Amino acid sequence: MIYDVEKSKEKDIRYNWVSSSRFIFYVQLFCTIALFVGMCFQLYQHRYKGKPDVEIQSSTLYTPQYK
């Protein structure tokens, strides 16, 4: 009976600091990679799409043209 308790404690994350720290490391690594991929995707979605073709009034040009 005591052997079963000791064996279950080895698998429990509260008692086995090696496995718990490994688990926390992998969770942090996954979260960091997910955050990085998410930020890259957002930057890709909102990227600069080039110079827009904007109509400018002819009277507001550097050399204005009046009718």
PDB file of N, CA and C in Angstrom:
ATOM      1  N   MET A   1       0.821  -1.195   0.000  1.00  0.00           N
ATOM      2  CA  MET A   1       0.000   0.000   0.000  1.00  0.00           C
ATOM      3  C   MET A   1       0.865   1.258   0.000  1.00  0.00           C
ATOM      4  N   ILE A   2       1.901   1.278   0.800  1.00  0.00           N
ATOM      5  CA  ILE A   2       2.783   2.446   0.847  1.00  0.00           C
ATOM      6  C   ILE A   2       3.512   2.591  -0.483  1.00  0.00           C
ATOM      7  N   TYR A   3       3.844   1.460  -1.093  1.00  0.00           N
ATOM      8  CA  TYR A   3       4.521   1.481  -2.391  1.00  0.00           C
ATOM      9  C   TYR A   3       3.633   2.129  -3.446  1.00  0.00           C
ATOM     10  N   ASP A   4       2.327   1.854  -3.421  1.00  0.00           N
ATOM     11  CA  ASP A   4       1.391   2.455  -4.374  1.00  0.00           C
ATOM     12  C   ASP A   4       1.297   3.960  -4.193  1.00  0.00           C
ATOM     13  N   VAL A   5       1.323   4.402  -2.939  1.00  0.00           N
ATOM     14  CA  VAL A   5       1.263   5.838  -2.666  1.00  0.00           C
ATOM     15  C   VAL A   5       2.526   6.523  -3.190  1.00  0.00           C
ATOM     16  N   GLU A   6       3.669   5.907  -2.942  1.00  0.00           N
ATOM     17  CA  GLU A   6       4.925   6.474  -3.430  1.00  0.00           C
ATOM     18  C   GLU A   6       4.968   6.486  -4.959  1.00  0.00           C
ATOM     19  N   LYS A   7       4.457   5.442  -5.569  1.00  0.00           N
ATOM     20  CA  LYS A   7       4.459   5.364  -7.027  1.00  0.00           C
ATOM     21  C   LYS A   7       3.523   6.416  -7.626  1.00  0.00           C
ATOM     22  N   SER A   8       2.378   6.646  -6.983  1.00  0.00           N
ATOM     23  CA  SER A   8       1.457   7.661  -7.492  1.00  0.00           C
ATOM     24  C   SER A   8       2.007   9.068  -7.273  1.00  0.00           C
ATOM     25  N   LYS A   9       2.799   9.229  -6.200  1.00  0.00           N
ATOM     26  CA  LYS A   9       3.411  10.544  -5.955  1.00  0.00           C
ATOM     27  C   LYS A   9       4.444  10.881  -7.027  1.00  0.00           C
ATOM     28  N   GLU A  10       5.097   9.851  -7.586  1.00  0.00           N
ATOM     29  CA  GLU A  10       6.076  10.096  -8.644  1.00  0.00           C
ATOM     30  C   GLU A  10       5.410  10.670  -9.886  1.00  0.00           C
ATOM     31  N   LYS A  11       4.184  10.274 -10.132  1.00  0.00           N
ATOM     32  CA  LYS A  11       3.477  10.732 -11.320  1.00  0.00           C
ATOM     33  C   LYS A  11       2.716  12.032 -11.090  1.00  0.00           C
ATOM     34  N   ASP A  12       2.504  12.394  -9.821  1.00  0.00           N
ATOM     35  CA  ASP A  12       1.736  13.588  -9.504  1.00  0.00           C
ATOM     36  C   ASP A  12       2.597  14.821  -9.718  1.00  0.00           C
ATOM     37  N   ILE A  13       2.029  15.838 -10.343  1.00  0.00           N
ATOM     38  CA  ILE A  13       2.793  17.044 -10.686  1.00  0.00           C
ATOM     39  C   ILE A  13       3.133  17.867  -9.443  1.00  0.00           C
ATOM     40  N   ARG A  14       2.363  17.693  -8.370  1.00  0.00           N
ATOM     41  CA  ARG A  14       2.636  18.453  -7.143  1.00  0.00           C
ATOM     42  C   ARG A  14       3.857  17.932  -6.400  1.00  0.00           C
ATOM     43  N   TYR A  15       4.180  16.666  -6.538  1.00  0.00           N
ATOM     44  CA  TYR A  15       5.273  16.071  -5.777  1.00  0.00           C
ATOM     45  C   TYR A  15       6.543  15.882  -6.594  1.00  0.00           C
ATOM     46  N   ASN A  16       6.419  15.780  -7.887  1.00  0.00           N
ATOM     47  CA  ASN A  16       7.587  15.524  -8.723  1.00  0.00           C
ATOM     48  C   ASN A  16       7.973  16.832  -9.424  1.00  0.00           C
ATOM     49  N   TRP A  17       8.957  17.538  -8.877  1.00  0.00           N
ATOM     50  CA  TRP A  17       9.329  18.852  -9.396  1.00  0.00           C
ATOM     51  C   TRP A  17       9.991  18.768 -10.764  1.00  0.00           C
ATOM     52  N   VAL A  18      10.633  17.665 -11.069  1.00  0.00           N
ATOM     53  CA  VAL A  18      11.296  17.527 -12.367  1.00  0.00           C
ATOM     54  C   VAL A  18      10.263  17.489 -13.481  1.00  0.00           C
ATOM     55  N   SER A  19       9.251  16.671 -13.337  1.00  0.00           N
ATOM     56  CA  SER A  19       8.244  16.580 -14.395  1.00  0.00           C
ATOM     57  C   SER A  19       7.392  17.842 -14.453  1.00  0.00           C
ATOM     58  N   SER A  20       7.151  18.471 -13.301  1.00  0.00           N
ATOM     59  CA  SER A  20       6.333  19.687 -13.323  1.00  0.00           C
ATOM     60  C   SER A  20       7.095  20.833 -13.972  1.00  0.00           C
ATOM     61  N   SER A  21       8.386  20.948 -13.699  1.00  0.00           N
ATOM     62  CA  SER A  21       9.142  22.038 -14.320  1.00  0.00           C
ATOM     63  C   SER A  21       9.286  21.798 -15.827  1.00  0.00           C
ATOM     64  N   ARG A  22       9.409  20.536 -16.227  1.00  0.00           N
ATOM     65  CA  ARG A  22       9.463  20.222 -17.649  1.00  0.00           C
ATOM     66  C   ARG A  22       8.136  20.579 -18.318  1.00  0.00           C
ATOM     67  N   PHE A  23       7.047  20.251 -17.663  1.00  0.00           N
ATOM     68  CA  PHE A  23       5.717  20.574 -18.190  1.00  0.00           C
ATOM     69  C   PHE A  23       5.533  22.089 -18.312  1.00  0.00           C
ATOM     70  N   ILE A  24       5.918  22.838 -17.297  1.00  0.00           N
ATOM     71  CA  ILE A  24       5.778  24.300 -17.335  1.00  0.00           C
ATOM     72  C   ILE A  24       6.661  24.886 -18.427  1.00  0.00           C
ATOM     73  N   PHE A  25       7.854  24.332 -18.616  1.00  0.00           N
ATOM     74  CA  PHE A  25       8.740  24.806 -19.683  1.00  0.00           C
ATOM     75  C   PHE A  25       8.091  24.626 -21.051  1.00  0.00           C
ATOM     76  N   TYR A  26       7.501  23.445 -21.289  1.00  0.00           N
ATOM     77  CA  TYR A  26       6.874  23.205 -22.585  1.00  0.00           C
ATOM     78  C   TYR A  26       5.625  24.054 -22.775  1.00  0.00           C
ATOM     79  N   VAL A  27       4.889  24.329 -21.726  1.00  0.00           N
ATOM     80  CA  VAL A  27       3.726  25.217 -21.837  1.00  0.00           C
ATOM     81  C   VAL A  27       4.185  26.634 -22.189  1.00  0.00           C
ATOM     82  N   GLN A  28       5.242  27.111 -21.537  1.00  0.00           N
ATOM     83  CA  GLN A  28       5.776  28.435 -21.844  1.00  0.00           C
ATOM     84  C   GLN A  28       6.297  28.491 -23.279  1.00  0.00           C
ATOM     85  N   LEU A  29       6.968  27.451 -23.712  1.00  0.00           N
ATOM     86  CA  LEU A  29       7.488  27.408 -25.072  1.00  0.00           C
ATOM     87  C   LEU A  29       6.352  27.441 -26.084  1.00  0.00           C
ATOM     88  N   PHE A  30       5.311  26.650 -25.859  1.00  0.00           N
ATOM     89  CA  PHE A  30       4.156  26.641 -26.750  1.00  0.00           C
ATOM     90  C   PHE A  30       3.470  28.012 -26.791  1.00  0.00           C
ATOM     91  N   CYS A  31       3.295  28.633 -25.634  1.00  0.00           N
ATOM     92  CA  CYS A  31       2.653  29.959 -25.590  1.00  0.00           C
ATOM     93  C   CYS A  31       3.488  31.011 -26.305  1.00  0.00           C
ATOM     94  N   THR A  32       4.801  30.955 -26.142  1.00  0.00           N
ATOM     95  CA  THR A  32       5.681  31.921 -26.811  1.00  0.00           C
ATOM     96  C   THR A  32       5.624  31.741 -28.317  1.00  0.00           C
ATOM     97  N   ILE A  33       5.661  30.510 -28.789  1.00  0.00           N
ATOM     98  CA  ILE A  33       5.598  30.257 -30.232  1.00  0.00           C
ATOM     99  C   ILE A  33       4.243  30.657 -30.782  1.00  0.00           C
ATOM    100  N   ALA A  34       3.168  30.366 -30.044  1.00  0.00           N
ATOM    101  CA  ALA A  34       1.824  30.749 -30.497  1.00  0.00           C
ATOM    102  C   ALA A  34       1.689  32.266 -30.568  1.00  0.00           C
ATOM    103  N   LEU A  35       2.231  32.980 -29.593  1.00  0.00           N
ATOM    104  CA  LEU A  35       2.192  34.443 -29.602  1.00  0.00           C
ATOM    105  C   LEU A  35       2.983  34.995 -30.784  1.00  0.00           C
ATOM    106  N   PHE A  36       4.153  34.444 -31.043  1.00  0.00           N
ATOM    107  CA  PHE A  36       4.995  34.897 -32.150  1.00  0.00           C
ATOM    108  C   PHE A  36       4.309  34.666 -33.499  1.00  0.00           C
ATOM    109  N   VAL A  37       3.732  33.486 -33.674  1.00  0.00           N
ATOM    110  CA  VAL A  37       3.037  33.176 -34.931  1.00  0.00           C
ATOM    111  C   VAL A  37       1.821  34.078 -35.090  1.00  0.00           C
ATOM    112  N   GLY A  38       1.100  34.321 -34.009  1.00  0.00           N
ATOM    113  CA  GLY A  38      -0.059  35.216 -34.070  1.00  0.00           C
ATOM    114  C   GLY A  38       0.324  36.632 -34.441  1.00  0.00           C
ATOM    115  N   MET A  39       1.417  37.128 -33.881  1.00  0.00           N
ATOM    116  CA  MET A  39       1.863  38.489 -34.215  1.00  0.00           C
ATOM    117  C   MET A  39       2.320  38.563 -35.666  1.00  0.00           C
ATOM    118  N   CYS A  40       3.018  37.548 -36.141  1.00  0.00           N
ATOM    119  CA  CYS A  40       3.455  37.538 -37.542  1.00  0.00           C
ATOM    120  C   CYS A  40       2.251  37.505 -38.478  1.00  0.00           C
ATOM    121  N   PHE A  41       1.231  36.740 -38.124  1.00  0.00           N
ATOM    122  CA  PHE A  41       0.037  36.674 -38.952  1.00  0.00           C
ATOM    123  C   PHE A  41      -0.687  38.014 -38.989  1.00  0.00           C
ATOM    124  N   GLN A  42      -0.762  38.700 -37.848  1.00  0.00           N
ATOM    125  CA  GLN A  42      -1.413  40.009 -37.814  1.00  0.00           C
ATOM    126  C   GLN A  42      -0.615  41.024 -38.632  1.00  0.00           C
ATOM    127  N   LEU A  43       0.711  40.976 -38.543  1.00  0.00           N
ATOM    128  CA  LEU A  43       1.528  41.879 -39.356  1.00  0.00           C
ATOM    129  C   LEU A  43       1.334  41.588 -40.840  1.00  0.00           C
ATOM    130  N   TYR A  44       1.197  40.322 -41.198  1.00  0.00           N
ATOM    131  CA  TYR A  44       0.969  39.957 -42.591  1.00  0.00           C
ATOM    132  C   TYR A  44      -0.399  40.438 -43.058  1.00  0.00           C
ATOM    133  N   GLN A  45      -1.410  40.326 -42.210  1.00  0.00           N
ATOM    134  CA  GLN A  45      -2.753  40.760 -42.586  1.00  0.00           C
ATOM    135  C   GLN A  45      -2.838  42.269 -42.772  1.00  0.00           C
ATOM    136  N   HIS A  46      -2.129  43.026 -41.965  1.00  0.00           N
ATOM    137  CA  HIS A  46      -2.195  44.485 -42.020  1.00  0.00           C
ATOM    138  C   HIS A  46      -0.956  45.086 -42.676  1.00  0.00           C
ATOM    139  N   ARG A  47      -0.401  44.363 -43.613  1.00  0.00           N
ATOM    140  CA  ARG A  47       0.827  44.836 -44.267  1.00  0.00           C
ATOM    141  C   ARG A  47       0.530  46.018 -45.195  1.00  0.00           C
ATOM    142  N   TYR A  48       1.595  46.714 -45.583  1.00  0.00           N
ATOM    143  CA  TYR A  48       1.479  47.839 -46.496  1.00  0.00           C
ATOM    144  C   TYR A  48       1.205  47.306 -47.893  1.00  0.00           C
ATOM    145  N   LYS A  49       0.120  47.749 -48.493  1.00  0.00           N
ATOM    146  CA  LYS A  49      -0.292  47.186 -49.776  1.00  0.00           C
ATOM    147  C   LYS A  49       0.124  48.057 -50.966  1.00  0.00           C
ATOM    148  N   GLY A  50       0.893  49.076 -50.730  1.00  0.00           N
ATOM    149  CA  GLY A  50       1.378  49.899 -51.824  1.00  0.00           C
ATOM    150  C   GLY A  50       0.758  51.284 -51.816  1.00  0.00           C
ATOM    151  N   LYS A  51       1.209  52.094 -52.736  1.00  0.00           N
ATOM    152  CA  LYS A  51       0.747  53.473 -52.817  1.00  0.00           C
ATOM    153  C   LYS A  51      -0.674  53.498 -53.383  1.00  0.00           C
ATOM    154  N   PRO A  52      -1.618  54.071 -52.638  1.00  0.00           N
ATOM    155  CA  PRO A  52      -2.989  54.124 -53.151  1.00  0.00           C
ATOM    156  C   PRO A  52      -3.131  55.168 -54.257  1.00  0.00           C
ATOM    157  N   ASP A  53      -4.052  54.932 -55.164  1.00  0.00           N
ATOM    158  CA  ASP A  53      -4.317  55.876 -56.255  1.00  0.00           C
ATOM    159  C   ASP A  53      -5.381  56.867 -55.768  1.00  0.00           C
ATOM    160  N   VAL A  54      -4.919  58.042 -55.348  1.00  0.00           N
ATOM    161  CA  VAL A  54      -5.797  59.034 -54.751  1.00  0.00           C
ATOM    162  C   VAL A  54      -6.014  60.173 -55.740  1.00  0.00           C
ATOM    163  N   GLU A  55      -7.259  60.577 -55.914  1.00  0.00           N
ATOM    164  CA  GLU A  55      -7.568  61.739 -56.761  1.00  0.00           C
ATOM    165  C   GLU A  55      -7.332  63.007 -55.966  1.00  0.00           C
ATOM    166  N   ILE A  56      -6.549  63.908 -56.517  1.00  0.00           N
ATOM    167  CA  ILE A  56      -6.261  65.172 -55.851  1.00  0.00           C
ATOM    168  C   ILE A  56      -6.899  66.290 -56.665  1.00  0.00           C
ATOM    169  N   GLN A  57      -7.541  67.208 -55.951  1.00  0.00           N
ATOM    170  CA  GLN A  57      -8.153  68.354 -56.633  1.00  0.00           C
ATOM    171  C   GLN A  57      -7.080  69.152 -57.352  1.00  0.00           C
ATOM    172  N   SER A  58      -7.382  69.552 -58.548  1.00  0.00           N
ATOM    173  CA  SER A  58      -6.368  70.265 -59.343  1.00  0.00           C
ATOM    174  C   SER A  58      -6.054  71.639 -58.761  1.00  0.00           C
ATOM    175  N   SER A  59      -6.945  72.223 -57.986  1.00  0.00           N
ATOM    176  CA  SER A  59      -6.685  73.546 -57.411  1.00  0.00           C
ATOM    177  C   SER A  59      -5.781  73.470 -56.182  1.00  0.00           C
ATOM    178  N   THR A  60      -5.512  72.298 -55.662  1.00  0.00           N
ATOM    179  CA  THR A  60      -4.657  72.172 -54.483  1.00  0.00           C
ATOM    180  C   THR A  60      -3.267  71.664 -54.821  1.00  0.00           C
ATOM    181  N   LEU A  61      -2.913  71.557 -56.078  1.00  0.00           N
ATOM    182  CA  LEU A  61      -1.586  71.096 -56.479  1.00  0.00           C
ATOM    183  C   LEU A  61      -0.538  72.170 -56.202  1.00  0.00           C
ATOM    184  N   TYR A  62       0.742  71.778 -56.358  1.00  0.00           N
ATOM    185  CA  TYR A  62       1.847  72.730 -56.154  1.00  0.00           C
ATOM    186  C   TYR A  62       1.731  73.894 -57.137  1.00  0.00           C
ATOM    187  N   THR A  63       1.421  73.555 -58.366  1.00  0.00           N
ATOM    188  CA  THR A  63       1.080  74.584 -59.365  1.00  0.00           C
ATOM    189  C   THR A  63      -0.400  74.416 -59.673  1.00  0.00           C
ATOM    190  N   PRO A  64      -1.247  75.174 -58.986  1.00  0.00           N
ATOM    191  CA  PRO A  64      -2.687  74.974 -59.133  1.00  0.00           C
ATOM    192  C   PRO A  64      -3.189  75.291 -60.543  1.00  0.00           C
ATOM    193  N   GLN A  65      -4.190  74.573 -60.951  1.00  0.00           N
ATOM    194  CA  GLN A  65      -4.827  74.802 -62.243  1.00  0.00           C
ATOM    195  C   GLN A  65      -6.268  75.188 -61.976  1.00  0.00           C
ATOM    196  N   TYR A  66      -6.584  76.423 -62.350  1.00  0.00           N
ATOM    197  CA  TYR A  66      -7.938  76.930 -62.144  1.00  0.00           C
ATOM    198  C   TYR A  66      -8.702  76.867 -63.437  1.00  0.00           C
ATOM    199  N   LYS A  67      -9.989  76.755 -63.304  1.00  0.00           N
ATOM    200  CA  LYS A  67     -10.836  76.727 -64.504  1.00  0.00           C
ATOM    201  C   LYS A  67     -11.118  78.116 -64.993  1.00  0.00           C
TER     202      LYS A  67
END
